[in-house]
Amino acid sequence: MKALQGVGGHVEWSDYADLHCDVGQVRIKVAAAGINRADLLQASGHYPPPPGASKALGLECAGVITEVGAGSSWQVGDRVCALLAGGAIAEEAVVDSRHVLPVPAGLSLSEAAALPEVYATAWLNLFKLGNLRPGEKVLLHAGASGVGSAAIQLCKAFASPCWVSVGSPERLAYCEGLGAQGGAVRHDEQLQALRDFGPFDVILDPVGGGYAALNLSLLAVDGRWLNIGLMGGRTAELDFAQILGKRVQLLGSTLRSRSDEFKAELISELRQYVWPLFEEGRLKPMLECVYPLKDAESAFSALASNRVNGKVAVLIDATL
């Protein structure tokens, strides 16, 4: 089979070892796969996959099941999307059957490929780790990103008002269209304006060091600060008197390296609480563009440009 692999800072569609479908797994013929920042980092040599995971790129895909291992309730022919630790951008993917979700009614396989990673990340951090409750105020940095787009919609669906920081007025308007109450544009040095909307009970931050002091100043008493990335650096100086005084909970969070059991529980929650909202029309995939496989390098460049609202996907098999 073939898969997309990072080679010398670029991506190449090349031969990869055939996969065995074992007990509790399913084989998916991949129609499309979403691209995430983890893929950009891995392709550039900065984010190796966890031990035992495929070295091919891709954390999410959608397609049709072609083989079912013993112990799985899925059927050959089911249209599904899946969360993986690697190897999603390939002709085929073999995945723990507990990490698979049905394609919501009315969605294409390309749209479904853009759902698992961002909705799992947003749900995990806002609701499981952040213990977000209705009415609590949320700040989402990089609000127009894939995770941000999912998080805005989840906040609206579960009655928690949210605000965002973004890179342009156009992206702020995009976020407000999804349900954000407002926000600030970072390049215009407007981030301090976020104080007018706070204090915030939960902050979801993929930026890291560059926003650390700001986050601490914006948090409410008993606030929860979820750090999921290091786009703004890995170090910062913090006033621990504020951490103590506000009883702040600072949580570092990653999803890719979590155990199979943890991911299975997370996917089960998505199926129970989140997936029905797609069929009700209260959530939707924010898929800005789908690139043909031959233009995979362009797809990666588009995501790296920080100008994409929502998600980018690669179409692998248009016949499905």
Protein backbone atom coordinates (compact mmCIF):
# COMPACT_ATOMS: atom_id res chain seq x y z
CA MET A 1 0.00 0.00 0.00
CA LYS A 2 0.96 3.66 -0.19
CA ALA A 3 0.92 6.33 2.48
CA LEU A 4 1.96 9.95 2.91
CA GLN A 5 5.28 10.27 4.69
CA GLY A 6 7.47 13.14 5.83
CA VAL A 7 10.82 13.10 4.06
CA GLY A 8 13.34 15.89 4.61
CA GLY A 9 10.74 18.49 5.52
CA HIS A 10 8.48 17.57 2.60
CA VAL A 11 5.70 15.04 2.10
CA GLU A 12 5.85 12.09 -0.29
CA TRP A 13 3.23 9.54 -1.33
CA SER A 14 5.27 6.36 -1.27
CA ASP A 15 5.21 2.64 -0.53
CA TYR A 16 4.47 1.59 3.03
CA ALA A 17 4.23 -1.82 4.67
CA ASP A 18 0.88 -3.59 4.36
CA LEU A 19 -1.19 -3.59 7.54
CA HIS A 20 -2.58 -6.61 9.41
CA CYS A 21 -6.11 -6.35 10.82
CA ASP A 22 -6.05 -7.96 14.26
CA VAL A 23 -8.62 -8.77 16.92
CA GLY A 24 -10.67 -5.70 17.85
CA GLN A 25 -9.53 -3.73 14.79
CA VAL A 26 -11.08 -2.70 11.49
CA ARG A 27 -9.53 -1.98 8.11
CA ILE A 28 -10.71 1.20 6.40
CA LYS A 29 -10.33 1.99 2.72
CA VAL A 30 -9.56 5.68 3.07
CA ALA A 31 -11.48 8.24 1.03
CA ALA A 32 -10.10 11.39 2.66
CA ALA A 33 -7.97 12.46 5.60
CA GLY A 34 -7.78 15.63 7.64
CA ILE A 35 -4.50 17.47 8.16
CA ASN A 36 -3.47 18.78 11.58
CA ARG A 37 -0.59 20.77 13.00
CA ALA A 38 0.85 17.58 14.41
CA ASP A 39 1.31 16.45 10.80
CA LEU A 40 3.18 19.66 9.96
CA LEU A 41 5.48 19.13 12.91
CA GLN A 42 6.05 15.46 12.14
CA ALA A 43 6.79 16.16 8.47
CA SER A 44 9.43 18.68 9.53
CA GLY A 45 11.02 16.19 11.93
CA HIS A 46 9.86 17.80 15.17
CA TYR A 47 7.08 15.50 16.39
CA PRO A 48 7.77 11.77 16.12
CA PRO A 49 4.78 9.43 16.52
CA PRO A 50 4.26 7.66 19.85
CA PRO A 51 5.88 4.23 20.28
CA GLY A 52 4.04 1.61 18.27
CA ALA A 53 2.14 4.09 16.08
CA SER A 54 2.47 4.26 12.31
CA LYS A 55 5.25 6.55 11.08
CA ALA A 56 3.05 7.63 8.17
CA LEU A 57 1.28 10.97 8.52
CA GLY A 58 -2.31 11.57 9.54
CA LEU A 59 -4.40 11.49 12.72
CA GLU A 60 -7.90 11.23 11.25
CA CYS A 61 -9.58 9.80 8.18
CA ALA A 62 -12.90 8.72 6.72
CA GLY A 63 -13.78 5.90 4.39
CA VAL A 64 -15.44 2.51 4.11
CA ILE A 65 -14.72 -0.54 6.27
CA THR A 66 -13.37 -3.44 4.20
CA GLU A 67 -12.36 -5.88 6.96
CA VAL A 68 -13.50 -6.47 10.53
CA GLY A 69 -11.41 -8.21 13.16
CA ALA A 70 -12.96 -10.53 15.71
CA GLY A 71 -14.70 -8.76 18.57
CA SER A 72 -15.83 -5.70 16.62
CA SER A 73 -19.45 -4.70 16.07
CA TRP A 74 -18.75 -2.83 12.84
CA GLN A 75 -19.72 -4.31 9.47
CA VAL A 76 -17.96 -4.42 6.12
CA GLY A 77 -19.35 -1.54 4.06
CA ASP A 78 -19.95 0.85 6.98
CA ARG A 79 -19.09 4.48 6.22
CA VAL A 80 -16.95 5.68 9.11
CA CYS A 81 -14.41 8.19 10.34
CA ALA A 82 -11.64 7.41 12.79
CA LEU A 83 -9.09 8.84 15.20
CA LEU A 84 -5.53 7.50 14.85
CA ALA A 85 -2.11 8.13 16.36
CA GLY A 86 -0.61 8.01 12.85
CA GLY A 87 -1.07 6.56 9.38
CA ALA A 88 -4.42 8.11 8.43
CA ILE A 89 -3.22 9.66 5.16
CA ALA A 90 -2.91 6.37 3.33
CA GLU A 91 -4.74 4.04 0.96
CA GLU A 92 -5.80 1.97 3.95
CA ALA A 93 -5.85 2.41 7.70
CA VAL A 94 -6.15 -0.24 10.40
CA VAL A 95 -7.51 1.15 13.63
CA ASP A 96 -8.87 0.07 17.01
CA SER A 97 -12.59 -0.38 16.35
CA ARG A 98 -13.36 1.60 19.52
CA HIS A 99 -11.78 4.67 17.91
CA VAL A 100 -14.21 4.65 14.99
CA LEU A 101 -17.36 6.75 14.57
CA PRO A 102 -20.17 6.61 12.00
CA VAL A 103 -20.26 9.31 9.35
CA PRO A 104 -23.05 11.65 10.46
CA ALA A 105 -26.06 11.60 8.15
CA GLY A 106 -25.84 14.16 5.37
CA LEU A 107 -22.05 14.57 5.48
CA SER A 108 -19.60 13.56 2.79
CA LEU A 109 -16.59 11.41 3.56
CA SER A 110 -14.33 14.44 3.06
CA GLU A 111 -16.34 16.40 5.63
CA ALA A 112 -16.32 13.47 8.05
CA ALA A 113 -12.53 13.20 7.74
CA ALA A 114 -12.25 16.67 9.27
CA LEU A 115 -14.16 15.79 12.45
CA PRO A 116 -12.46 13.24 14.76
CA GLU A 117 -9.27 15.01 15.82
CA VAL A 118 -10.64 18.51 16.38
CA TYR A 119 -13.87 17.50 18.08
CA ALA A 120 -12.05 14.97 20.25
CA THR A 121 -9.51 17.63 21.23
CA ALA A 122 -12.13 20.26 21.96
CA TRP A 123 -14.36 17.88 23.94
CA LEU A 124 -11.45 16.45 25.92
CA ASN A 125 -10.09 19.82 27.00
CA LEU A 126 -13.24 21.85 27.52
CA PHE A 127 -15.50 19.25 29.09
CA LYS A 128 -13.46 16.31 30.43
CA LEU A 129 -10.39 18.16 31.70
CA GLY A 130 -11.75 21.70 31.92
CA ASN A 131 -15.02 20.60 33.52
CA LEU A 132 -16.85 23.33 31.62
CA ARG A 133 -20.35 24.00 32.94
CA PRO A 134 -23.24 25.88 31.30
CA GLY A 135 -22.92 29.62 31.68
CA GLU A 136 -19.18 29.64 32.34
CA LYS A 137 -17.13 31.95 30.14
CA VAL A 138 -14.50 30.56 27.77
CA LEU A 139 -11.54 32.12 25.93
CA LEU A 140 -10.28 30.29 22.85
CA HIS A 141 -6.94 31.34 21.43
CA ALA A 142 -6.50 30.65 17.69
CA GLY A 143 -10.27 30.64 17.49
CA ALA A 144 -10.43 30.24 13.70
CA SER A 145 -8.32 27.06 13.70
CA GLY A 146 -9.79 23.60 13.32
CA VAL A 147 -9.90 23.02 17.08
CA GLY A 148 -11.11 26.56 17.66
CA SER A 149 -13.93 26.17 15.14
CA ALA A 150 -15.07 22.97 16.84
CA ALA A 151 -14.74 24.50 20.31
CA ILE A 152 -16.83 27.55 19.41
CA GLN A 153 -19.65 25.34 18.19
CA LEU A 154 -19.49 23.11 21.27
CA CYS A 155 -19.54 26.12 23.60
CA LYS A 156 -22.64 27.42 21.84
CA ALA A 157 -24.33 24.00 21.86
CA PHE A 158 -23.71 23.54 25.59
CA ALA A 159 -24.60 27.10 26.64
CA SER A 160 -21.19 28.52 27.55
CA PRO A 161 -20.42 31.93 26.01
CA CYS A 162 -17.00 32.14 24.38
CA TRP A 163 -14.59 34.75 23.09
CA VAL A 164 -11.59 34.32 20.81
CA SER A 165 -8.21 35.68 19.85
CA VAL A 166 -7.46 35.54 16.13
CA GLY A 167 -5.09 36.86 13.47
CA SER A 168 -7.33 39.23 11.50
CA PRO A 169 -10.69 41.05 11.55
CA GLU A 170 -11.92 38.64 8.89
CA ARG A 171 -11.15 35.66 11.09
CA LEU A 172 -12.89 37.34 14.01
CA ALA A 173 -15.99 37.75 11.86
CA TYR A 174 -15.75 34.05 10.92
CA CYS A 175 -15.67 33.07 14.61
CA GLU A 176 -18.60 35.31 15.46
CA GLY A 177 -20.51 33.64 12.63
CA LEU A 178 -19.96 30.30 14.36
CA GLY A 179 -21.23 31.61 17.68
CA ALA A 180 -18.38 33.44 19.44
CA GLN A 181 -19.49 36.50 21.41
CA GLY A 182 -16.52 38.55 20.23
CA GLY A 183 -12.76 38.71 20.67
CA ALA A 184 -9.53 40.44 19.80
CA VAL A 185 -7.07 40.55 16.88
CA ARG A 186 -3.57 39.77 18.04
CA HIS A 187 -1.64 41.56 15.29
CA ASP A 188 -3.30 44.86 16.12
CA GLU A 189 -2.04 44.67 19.72
CA GLN A 190 -5.64 44.38 20.85
CA LEU A 191 -5.24 41.38 23.11
CA GLN A 192 -5.51 43.52 26.21
CA ALA A 193 -9.08 44.26 25.09
CA LEU A 194 -9.91 40.72 26.16
CA ARG A 195 -9.95 42.07 29.73
CA ASP A 196 -13.24 43.76 28.86
CA PHE A 197 -14.83 40.34 28.28
CA GLY A 198 -13.33 38.44 31.20
CA PRO A 199 -12.57 37.08 33.63
CA PHE A 200 -12.75 33.67 32.01
CA ASP A 201 -13.50 30.37 33.71
CA VAL A 202 -11.74 28.28 31.05
CA ILE A 203 -8.96 29.21 28.60
CA LEU A 204 -8.01 26.85 25.78
CA ASP A 205 -4.56 27.80 24.51
CA PRO A 206 -2.40 26.31 21.72
CA VAL A 207 0.06 29.21 21.91
CA GLY A 208 1.97 28.51 25.12
CA GLY A 209 4.71 30.72 26.50
CA GLY A 210 3.85 33.88 24.61
CA TYR A 211 0.38 34.09 26.14
CA ALA A 212 1.14 32.73 29.60
CA ALA A 213 1.16 36.01 31.52
CA LEU A 214 -1.91 37.22 29.63
CA ASN A 215 -3.82 34.03 30.39
CA LEU A 216 -3.04 34.25 34.06
CA SER A 217 -4.30 37.83 34.22
CA LEU A 218 -7.52 36.93 32.40
CA LEU A 219 -8.51 33.88 34.45
CA ALA A 220 -11.27 33.99 37.03
CA VAL A 221 -10.96 32.57 40.51
CA ASP A 222 -10.92 28.76 40.20
CA GLY A 223 -10.17 29.19 36.50
CA ARG A 224 -8.90 26.31 34.36
CA TRP A 225 -6.14 26.91 31.85
CA LEU A 226 -5.68 24.16 29.25
CA ASN A 227 -2.43 24.37 27.28
CA ILE A 228 -2.48 22.24 24.13
CA GLY A 229 0.38 23.68 22.08
CA LEU A 230 3.58 25.70 21.92
CA MET A 231 3.09 27.93 18.88
CA GLY A 232 4.23 30.94 20.93
CA GLY A 233 7.17 29.33 22.72
CA ARG A 234 7.87 26.83 25.48
CA THR A 235 8.99 29.09 28.35
CA ALA A 236 7.43 31.93 30.35
CA GLU A 237 7.75 33.76 33.64
CA LEU A 238 4.66 33.55 35.83
CA ASP A 239 3.50 35.27 38.99
CA PHE A 240 2.78 32.36 41.31
CA ALA A 241 1.00 34.68 43.73
CA GLN A 242 -1.74 34.99 41.10
CA ILE A 243 -1.84 31.23 40.61
CA LEU A 244 -2.31 30.73 44.35
CA GLY A 245 -4.65 33.66 44.85
CA LYS A 246 -6.96 32.62 42.02
CA ARG A 247 -6.63 28.89 42.71
CA VAL A 248 -5.75 28.40 39.06
CA GLN A 249 -5.56 24.92 37.54
CA LEU A 250 -2.94 24.79 34.77
CA LEU A 251 -3.19 21.58 32.74
CA GLY A 252 -0.88 20.47 29.96
CA SER A 253 -2.81 18.30 27.53
CA THR A 254 -2.06 16.11 24.53
CA LEU A 255 -4.31 13.56 22.85
CA ARG A 256 -2.11 11.63 20.44
CA SER A 257 -0.10 9.78 23.08
CA ARG A 258 -3.09 8.81 25.25
CA SER A 259 -3.81 5.13 25.81
CA ASP A 260 -6.18 3.15 23.59
CA GLU A 261 -8.55 2.80 26.55
CA PHE A 262 -8.62 6.54 27.19
CA LYS A 263 -9.32 7.27 23.53
CA ALA A 264 -12.04 4.61 23.45
CA GLU A 265 -13.83 6.32 26.34
CA LEU A 266 -13.42 9.71 24.67
CA ILE A 267 -14.82 8.46 21.35
CA SER A 268 -17.73 6.85 23.18
CA GLU A 269 -18.57 10.22 24.74
CA LEU A 270 -18.39 11.92 21.35
CA ARG A 271 -20.80 9.39 19.90
CA GLN A 272 -23.22 9.86 22.79
CA TYR A 273 -23.11 13.62 23.35
CA VAL A 274 -21.66 15.25 20.24
CA TRP A 275 -22.45 13.18 17.14
CA PRO A 276 -26.26 13.60 17.46
CA LEU A 277 -25.76 17.37 17.20
CA PHE A 278 -24.47 17.01 13.64
CA GLU A 279 -27.68 15.33 12.55
CA GLU A 280 -29.66 18.05 14.36
CA GLY A 281 -27.73 20.70 12.41
CA ARG A 282 -26.28 22.28 15.55
CA LEU A 283 -22.70 21.34 14.65
CA LYS A 284 -21.01 21.25 11.28
CA PRO A 285 -17.59 20.47 9.84
CA MET A 286 -15.75 23.67 8.99
CA LEU A 287 -13.82 22.32 6.01
CA GLU A 288 -12.33 25.21 4.07
CA CYS A 289 -10.62 23.23 1.33
CA VAL A 290 -10.05 19.71 0.04
CA TYR A 291 -6.88 19.09 -1.96
CA PRO A 292 -6.36 16.19 -4.35
CA LEU A 293 -3.63 13.83 -3.23
CA LYS A 294 -1.24 15.07 -5.92
CA ASP A 295 -1.36 18.49 -4.24
CA ALA A 296 -0.68 17.25 -0.72
CA GLU A 297 2.34 19.54 -0.40
CA SER A 298 0.08 22.51 -1.17
CA ALA A 299 -2.39 21.32 1.45
CA PHE A 300 0.34 21.29 4.07
CA SER A 301 1.50 24.75 2.98
CA ALA A 302 -2.04 26.09 3.24
CA LEU A 303 -2.38 24.90 6.82
CA ALA A 304 1.06 26.24 7.72
CA SER A 305 0.13 29.69 6.38
CA ASN A 306 -2.20 30.32 9.34
CA ARG A 307 -4.76 31.75 6.93
CA VAL A 308 -7.10 28.77 6.84
CA ASN A 309 -10.40 29.02 8.70
CA GLY A 310 -11.27 25.59 10.04
CA LYS A 311 -9.87 22.47 8.41
CA VAL A 312 -7.91 21.24 5.40
CA ALA A 313 -8.32 17.72 4.02
CA VAL A 314 -6.69 15.56 1.36
CA LEU A 315 -8.84 13.51 -1.01
CA ILE A 316 -7.34 10.06 -1.49
CA ASP A 317 -10.06 8.05 -3.24
CA ALA A 318 -12.89 9.94 -4.93
CA THR A 319 -14.70 6.71 -5.92
CA LEU A 320 -15.93 5.95 -2.39
